[in-house]
Amino acid sequence: MSLPFTEQQCFFVAILIFIVAGFQRGWRRELVSLVFILLATFLVHQDTSNAVGSFIGRLPAVIGYAAGTSQTQTTSVGGFLGGPLWSLIIFAAMVALGYYIGNKAFPRPYSPHERFIGIVPAVISGAFVLGYLSNYFKTIGGRSTVSVDVQSPDPLNYVAIIFFIAIIAIVVAVIASRRTAAKK
């Protein structure tokens, strides 16, 4: 399958989407979602679904042991949560939970500087999400999960650009906060 975009164009479009979302949501909401995205990035791996399936398979034996039965038997849960797709679903659920909690915890931002500062954690979140997806779509155990003719972009190649966007957002936020302070 061939896409009409290069890897850099796909990366910048994705980062632009995160910038717009960060501007709309504000810095408080984006910080909450950034925490969840960082947790998801570092805790969820391609084999996470197998570990969760193994844990669920051993729960009846643990409950039986706690209840006092002498017979401990672990059941195999081969098809339940098996495969790398469930790891991607767990990752997406943690990211969605972060955005949901961020929206419920803080009100909508009203001042422009709150919105512009929201771009900084949004760009960082976008880089981590794209890094996770880049790693996910690479080979797992010697086989490819998705066959696409476009190489996955590596967010580490764009650290300077991400840093530049963050600096611009902070400068604009400071200018906007000084203007609102001068009007008062």
C-alpha atoms as a PDB file:
ATOM      1  CA  MET A   1       0.000   0.000   0.000  1.00  0.00           C
ATOM      2  CA  SER A   2       1.506   3.293  -1.007  1.00  0.00           C
ATOM      3  CA  LEU A   3       0.614   6.572   0.662  1.00  0.00           C
ATOM      4  CA  PRO A   4       0.783   9.901  -1.206  1.00  0.00           C
ATOM      5  CA  PHE A   5       2.735  11.535   1.651  1.00  0.00           C
ATOM      6  CA  THR A   6       6.329  11.303   2.732  1.00  0.00           C
ATOM      7  CA  GLU A   7       7.198  10.341   6.279  1.00  0.00           C
ATOM      8  CA  GLN A   8       8.092  13.940   7.172  1.00  0.00           C
ATOM      9  CA  GLN A   9       4.772  15.242   5.879  1.00  0.00           C
ATOM     10  CA  CYS A  10       2.863  12.648   7.908  1.00  0.00           C
ATOM     11  CA  PHE A  11       4.879  13.535  11.010  1.00  0.00           C
ATOM     12  CA  PHE A  12       4.284  17.283  10.676  1.00  0.00           C
ATOM     13  CA  VAL A  13       0.569  16.844  10.004  1.00  0.00           C
ATOM     14  CA  ALA A  14       0.274  14.708  13.146  1.00  0.00           C
ATOM     15  CA  ILE A  15       2.221  17.263  15.200  1.00  0.00           C
ATOM     16  CA  LEU A  16       0.026  20.042  13.780  1.00  0.00           C
ATOM     17  CA  ILE A  17      -3.055  18.140  14.963  1.00  0.00           C
ATOM     18  CA  PHE A  18      -1.553  17.914  18.456  1.00  0.00           C
ATOM     19  CA  ILE A  19      -0.691  21.653  18.366  1.00  0.00           C
ATOM     20  CA  VAL A  20      -4.284  22.570  17.508  1.00  0.00           C
ATOM     21  CA  ALA A  21      -5.607  20.261  20.234  1.00  0.00           C
ATOM     22  CA  GLY A  22      -3.181  21.745  22.781  1.00  0.00           C
ATOM     23  CA  PHE A  23      -4.201  25.264  21.832  1.00  0.00           C
ATOM     24  CA  GLN A  24      -7.877  24.438  22.269  1.00  0.00           C
ATOM     25  CA  ARG A  25      -7.491  22.521  25.524  1.00  0.00           C
ATOM     26  CA  GLY A  26      -5.002  24.725  27.396  1.00  0.00           C
ATOM     27  CA  TRP A  27      -1.945  23.850  29.421  1.00  0.00           C
ATOM     28  CA  ARG A  28      -3.649  22.388  32.507  1.00  0.00           C
ATOM     29  CA  ARG A  29      -5.648  19.839  30.555  1.00  0.00           C
ATOM     30  CA  GLU A  30      -2.683  18.990  28.370  1.00  0.00           C
ATOM     31  CA  LEU A  31      -0.436  18.372  31.367  1.00  0.00           C
ATOM     32  CA  VAL A  32      -2.877  15.776  32.700  1.00  0.00           C
ATOM     33  CA  SER A  33      -3.063  14.053  29.326  1.00  0.00           C
ATOM     34  CA  LEU A  34       0.745  14.240  29.010  1.00  0.00           C
ATOM     35  CA  VAL A  35       1.119  12.302  32.263  1.00  0.00           C
ATOM     36  CA  PHE A  36      -1.182   9.562  30.976  1.00  0.00           C
ATOM     37  CA  ILE A  37       0.578   9.465  27.614  1.00  0.00           C
ATOM     38  CA  LEU A  38       3.973   9.142  29.312  1.00  0.00           C
ATOM     39  CA  LEU A  39       2.643   6.350  31.535  1.00  0.00           C
ATOM     40  CA  ALA A  40       1.144   4.567  28.552  1.00  0.00           C
ATOM     41  CA  THR A  41       4.326   4.947  26.517  1.00  0.00           C
ATOM     42  CA  PHE A  42       6.553   3.498  29.213  1.00  0.00           C
ATOM     43  CA  LEU A  43       4.195   0.842  30.618  1.00  0.00           C
ATOM     44  CA  VAL A  44       2.508  -0.602  27.524  1.00  0.00           C
ATOM     45  CA  HIS A  45       4.665  -2.712  25.229  1.00  0.00           C
ATOM     46  CA  GLN A  46       3.827  -5.150  22.442  1.00  0.00           C
ATOM     47  CA  ASP A  47       3.786  -8.039  24.896  1.00  0.00           C
ATOM     48  CA  THR A  48       1.638  -6.261  27.510  1.00  0.00           C
ATOM     49  CA  SER A  49      -1.514  -7.981  26.305  1.00  0.00           C
ATOM     50  CA  ASN A  50       0.124 -11.392  26.836  1.00  0.00           C
ATOM     51  CA  ALA A  51       1.086 -10.424  30.396  1.00  0.00           C
ATOM     52  CA  VAL A  52      -2.448  -9.197  31.127  1.00  0.00           C
ATOM     53  CA  GLY A  53      -3.879 -12.412  29.664  1.00  0.00           C
ATOM     54  CA  SER A  54      -1.536 -14.500  31.827  1.00  0.00           C
ATOM     55  CA  PHE A  55      -2.537 -12.498  34.913  1.00  0.00           C
ATOM     56  CA  ILE A  56      -6.241 -13.001  34.201  1.00  0.00           C
ATOM     57  CA  GLY A  57      -5.623 -16.712  33.591  1.00  0.00           C
ATOM     58  CA  ARG A  58      -4.062 -17.075  37.047  1.00  0.00           C
ATOM     59  CA  LEU A  59      -6.772 -15.168  38.921  1.00  0.00           C
ATOM     60  CA  PRO A  60      -9.026 -18.215  39.559  1.00  0.00           C
ATOM     61  CA  ALA A  61      -6.112 -20.095  41.159  1.00  0.00           C
ATOM     62  CA  VAL A  62      -5.252 -17.105  43.368  1.00  0.00           C
ATOM     63  CA  ILE A  63      -8.868 -16.678  44.437  1.00  0.00           C
ATOM     64  CA  GLY A  64      -9.129 -20.405  45.101  1.00  0.00           C
ATOM     65  CA  TYR A  65      -5.960 -20.334  47.193  1.00  0.00           C
ATOM     66  CA  ALA A  66      -7.233 -17.324  49.146  1.00  0.00           C
ATOM     67  CA  ALA A  67     -10.541 -19.134  49.733  1.00  0.00           C
ATOM     68  CA  GLY A  68      -8.692 -22.101  51.209  1.00  0.00           C
ATOM     69  CA  THR A  69      -8.952 -24.768  48.529  1.00  0.00           C
ATOM     70  CA  SER A  70      -5.962 -27.043  48.270  1.00  0.00           C
ATOM     71  CA  GLN A  71      -6.246 -27.600  44.557  1.00  0.00           C
ATOM     72  CA  THR A  72      -4.401 -24.929  42.574  1.00  0.00           C
ATOM     73  CA  GLN A  73      -4.935 -25.069  38.847  1.00  0.00           C
ATOM     74  CA  THR A  74      -4.037 -22.329  36.419  1.00  0.00           C
ATOM     75  CA  THR A  75      -6.098 -22.073  33.295  1.00  0.00           C
ATOM     76  CA  SER A  76      -4.558 -21.106  30.007  1.00  0.00           C
ATOM     77  CA  VAL A  77      -6.006 -18.039  28.379  1.00  0.00           C
ATOM     78  CA  GLY A  78      -4.441 -18.362  24.944  1.00  0.00           C
ATOM     79  CA  GLY A  79      -6.959 -16.443  22.881  1.00  0.00           C
ATOM     80  CA  PHE A  80      -7.891 -13.798  25.447  1.00  0.00           C
ATOM     81  CA  LEU A  81      -5.959 -10.562  24.950  1.00  0.00           C
ATOM     82  CA  GLY A  82      -3.448 -12.345  22.762  1.00  0.00           C
ATOM     83  CA  GLY A  83      -1.422 -10.543  20.153  1.00  0.00           C
ATOM     84  CA  PRO A  84      -0.011  -7.074  19.681  1.00  0.00           C
ATOM     85  CA  LEU A  85      -3.354  -5.522  18.644  1.00  0.00           C
ATOM     86  CA  TRP A  86      -4.604  -5.607  22.226  1.00  0.00           C
ATOM     87  CA  SER A  87      -1.498  -3.743  23.369  1.00  0.00           C
ATOM     88  CA  LEU A  88      -2.367  -0.971  20.929  1.00  0.00           C
ATOM     89  CA  ILE A  89      -5.933  -0.938  22.260  1.00  0.00           C
ATOM     90  CA  ILE A  90      -4.671  -0.719  25.860  1.00  0.00           C
ATOM     91  CA  PHE A  91      -2.378   2.165  24.848  1.00  0.00           C
ATOM     92  CA  ALA A  92      -5.232   3.999  23.110  1.00  0.00           C
ATOM     93  CA  ALA A  93      -7.500   3.458  26.127  1.00  0.00           C
ATOM     94  CA  MET A  94      -4.905   4.964  28.496  1.00  0.00           C
ATOM     95  CA  VAL A  95      -4.436   7.977  26.199  1.00  0.00           C
ATOM     96  CA  ALA A  96      -8.205   8.478  25.907  1.00  0.00           C
ATOM     97  CA  LEU A  97      -8.546   8.189  29.694  1.00  0.00           C
ATOM     98  CA  GLY A  98      -5.911  10.930  30.098  1.00  0.00           C
ATOM     99  CA  TYR A  99      -7.772  13.265  27.763  1.00  0.00           C
ATOM    100  CA  TYR A 100     -11.079  12.502  29.492  1.00  0.00           C
ATOM    101  CA  ILE A 101      -9.701  13.135  32.995  1.00  0.00           C
ATOM    102  CA  GLY A 102      -7.981  16.325  31.806  1.00  0.00           C
ATOM    103  CA  ASN A 103     -11.275  17.619  30.434  1.00  0.00           C
ATOM    104  CA  LYS A 104     -13.148  16.785  33.633  1.00  0.00           C
ATOM    105  CA  ALA A 105     -10.497  18.078  36.050  1.00  0.00           C
ATOM    106  CA  PHE A 106     -10.010  21.587  34.677  1.00  0.00           C
ATOM    107  CA  PRO A 107     -12.272  24.201  33.066  1.00  0.00           C
ATOM    108  CA  ARG A 108     -11.807  25.449  29.525  1.00  0.00           C
ATOM    109  CA  PRO A 109      -9.018  28.018  29.208  1.00  0.00           C
ATOM    110  CA  TYR A 110     -10.169  31.570  28.666  1.00  0.00           C
ATOM    111  CA  SER A 111      -6.983  33.576  28.316  1.00  0.00           C
ATOM    112  CA  PRO A 112      -4.752  33.357  25.236  1.00  0.00           C
ATOM    113  CA  HIS A 113      -1.582  32.688  27.218  1.00  0.00           C
ATOM    114  CA  GLU A 114      -3.144  29.584  28.802  1.00  0.00           C
ATOM    115  CA  ARG A 115      -3.950  28.339  25.320  1.00  0.00           C
ATOM    116  CA  PHE A 116      -0.498  29.073  23.879  1.00  0.00           C
ATOM    117  CA  ILE A 117       1.282  27.388  26.779  1.00  0.00           C
ATOM    118  CA  GLY A 118      -0.912  24.350  26.082  1.00  0.00           C
ATOM    119  CA  ILE A 119       0.972  23.878  22.833  1.00  0.00           C
ATOM    120  CA  VAL A 120       4.154  22.861  24.693  1.00  0.00           C
ATOM    121  CA  PRO A 121       2.812  19.726  26.452  1.00  0.00           C
ATOM    122  CA  ALA A 122       0.749  18.921  23.352  1.00  0.00           C
ATOM    123  CA  VAL A 123       3.851  18.800  21.147  1.00  0.00           C
ATOM    124  CA  ILE A 124       5.639  16.623  23.693  1.00  0.00           C
ATOM    125  CA  SER A 125       2.595  14.339  23.897  1.00  0.00           C
ATOM    126  CA  GLY A 126       2.453  14.130  20.125  1.00  0.00           C
ATOM    127  CA  ALA A 127       6.116  13.179  19.908  1.00  0.00           C
ATOM    128  CA  PHE A 128       5.668  10.392  22.464  1.00  0.00           C
ATOM    129  CA  VAL A 129       2.516   9.054  20.778  1.00  0.00           C
ATOM    130  CA  LEU A 130       4.230   9.077  17.392  1.00  0.00           C
ATOM    131  CA  GLY A 131       7.301   7.442  18.917  1.00  0.00           C
ATOM    132  CA  TYR A 132       5.161   4.671  20.391  1.00  0.00           C
ATOM    133  CA  LEU A 133       3.325   4.131  17.113  1.00  0.00           C
ATOM    134  CA  SER A 134       6.615   4.153  15.205  1.00  0.00           C
ATOM    135  CA  ASN A 135       7.954   1.472  17.513  1.00  0.00           C
ATOM    136  CA  TYR A 136       4.689  -0.472  17.325  1.00  0.00           C
ATOM    137  CA  PHE A 137       4.639  -0.635  13.547  1.00  0.00           C
ATOM    138  CA  LYS A 138       8.195  -1.907  13.364  1.00  0.00           C
ATOM    139  CA  THR A 139       8.755  -5.626  13.415  1.00  0.00           C
ATOM    140  CA  ILE A 140       7.534  -7.682  16.350  1.00  0.00           C
ATOM    141  CA  GLY A 141       9.369 -10.943  16.841  1.00  0.00           C
ATOM    142  CA  GLY A 142      10.801 -10.915  13.330  1.00  0.00           C
ATOM    143  CA  ARG A 143       7.503 -10.314  11.538  1.00  0.00           C
ATOM    144  CA  SER A 144       5.970  -7.064  10.419  1.00  0.00           C
ATOM    145  CA  THR A 145       2.651  -6.033  11.930  1.00  0.00           C
ATOM    146  CA  VAL A 146       1.633  -3.733   9.077  1.00  0.00           C
ATOM    147  CA  SER A 147       3.070  -3.633   5.600  1.00  0.00           C
ATOM    148  CA  VAL A 148       3.266  -0.052   4.299  1.00  0.00           C
ATOM    149  CA  ASP A 149       5.704   1.391   1.765  1.00  0.00           C
ATOM    150  CA  VAL A 150       6.309   4.484   3.922  1.00  0.00           C
ATOM    151  CA  GLN A 151       8.959   4.341   6.600  1.00  0.00           C
ATOM    152  CA  SER A 152       7.842   5.323  10.069  1.00  0.00           C
ATOM    153  CA  PRO A 153       9.310   8.687  11.088  1.00  0.00           C
ATOM    154  CA  ASP A 154      11.531   8.742  14.126  1.00  0.00           C
ATOM    155  CA  PRO A 155      10.541  11.635  16.434  1.00  0.00           C
ATOM    156  CA  LEU A 156      14.106  11.820  17.751  1.00  0.00           C
ATOM    157  CA  ASN A 157      15.151  13.211  14.365  1.00  0.00           C
ATOM    158  CA  TYR A 158      12.855  16.186  14.947  1.00  0.00           C
ATOM    159  CA  VAL A 159      13.783  17.168  18.509  1.00  0.00           C
ATOM    160  CA  ALA A 160      15.183  20.516  17.357  1.00  0.00           C
ATOM    161  CA  ILE A 161      11.974  21.382  15.512  1.00  0.00           C
ATOM    162  CA  ILE A 162       9.807  20.331  18.458  1.00  0.00           C
ATOM    163  CA  PHE A 163      11.986  22.438  20.769  1.00  0.00           C
ATOM    164  CA  PHE A 164      11.677  25.403  18.387  1.00  0.00           C
ATOM    165  CA  ILE A 165       7.865  25.102  18.331  1.00  0.00           C
ATOM    166  CA  ALA A 166       7.812  24.957  22.137  1.00  0.00           C
ATOM    167  CA  ILE A 167       9.989  28.100  22.439  1.00  0.00           C
ATOM    168  CA  ILE A 168       7.755  30.005  20.014  1.00  0.00           C
ATOM    169  CA  ALA A 169       4.653  28.957  21.959  1.00  0.00           C
ATOM    170  CA  ILE A 170       6.189  30.135  25.242  1.00  0.00           C
ATOM    171  CA  VAL A 171       7.247  33.496  23.753  1.00  0.00           C
ATOM    172  CA  VAL A 172       3.758  34.085  22.324  1.00  0.00           C
ATOM    173  CA  ALA A 173       2.207  33.114  25.676  1.00  0.00           C
ATOM    174  CA  VAL A 174       4.436  35.581  27.548  1.00  0.00           C
ATOM    175  CA  ILE A 175       3.544  38.355  25.098  1.00  0.00           C
ATOM    176  CA  ALA A 176      -0.156  37.532  25.447  1.00  0.00           C
ATOM    177  CA  SER A 177       0.029  37.507  29.249  1.00  0.00           C
ATOM    178  CA  ARG A 178       1.786  40.905  29.291  1.00  0.00           C
ATOM    179  CA  ARG A 179      -0.885  42.394  27.072  1.00  0.00           C
ATOM    180  CA  THR A 180      -3.670  41.175  29.362  1.00  0.00           C
ATOM    181  CA  ALA A 181      -1.763  42.470  32.388  1.00  0.00           C
ATOM    182  CA  ALA A 182      -1.255  45.862  30.718  1.00  0.00           C
ATOM    183  CA  LYS A 183      -4.986  46.182  29.975  1.00  0.00           C
ATOM    184  CA  LYS A 184      -5.876  45.798  33.643  1.00  0.00           C
END
